[in-house]
């Protein structure tokens, strides 16, 4: 991997779009179906008795700054806001991230995936979740 492969995406987006940071915004675009999930978690997310209040609170908190596109189910929204996670790691890297994902897979970290990208935005929500 080269330094360009791991340059923070936010920094790279500012450079590529000529933004100096003043007045510019970034949007994280997440593809929900690309997020690695345990099958059991998907099954439990449809049962309101199994969804913790903290997850619902998290979801309520982010709704003001997140645009969930049509086709992102209630269950997926809950899973993305899960308060029970043991702390997955999210990295923002420059480029398409495929070299880093391949290197992590080679190292035995097979649950790694590219789940989205950071884009420059004049305005709008800070997070967009696509199906």
Foldseek 3Di string as FASTA:
>chain_A
DDQQFAPFQVVVQCVVVVHPPVLWAKAWEFELVFQDDDPVLLVQLVPPVNQDPQLVVQLVVQPVQEAEDPPCDPSSSSVVSHPPDPDDDDGGGHDQNPVVQVVCVVVVNPNDTRGTHMHIDNDGGRYYYYD
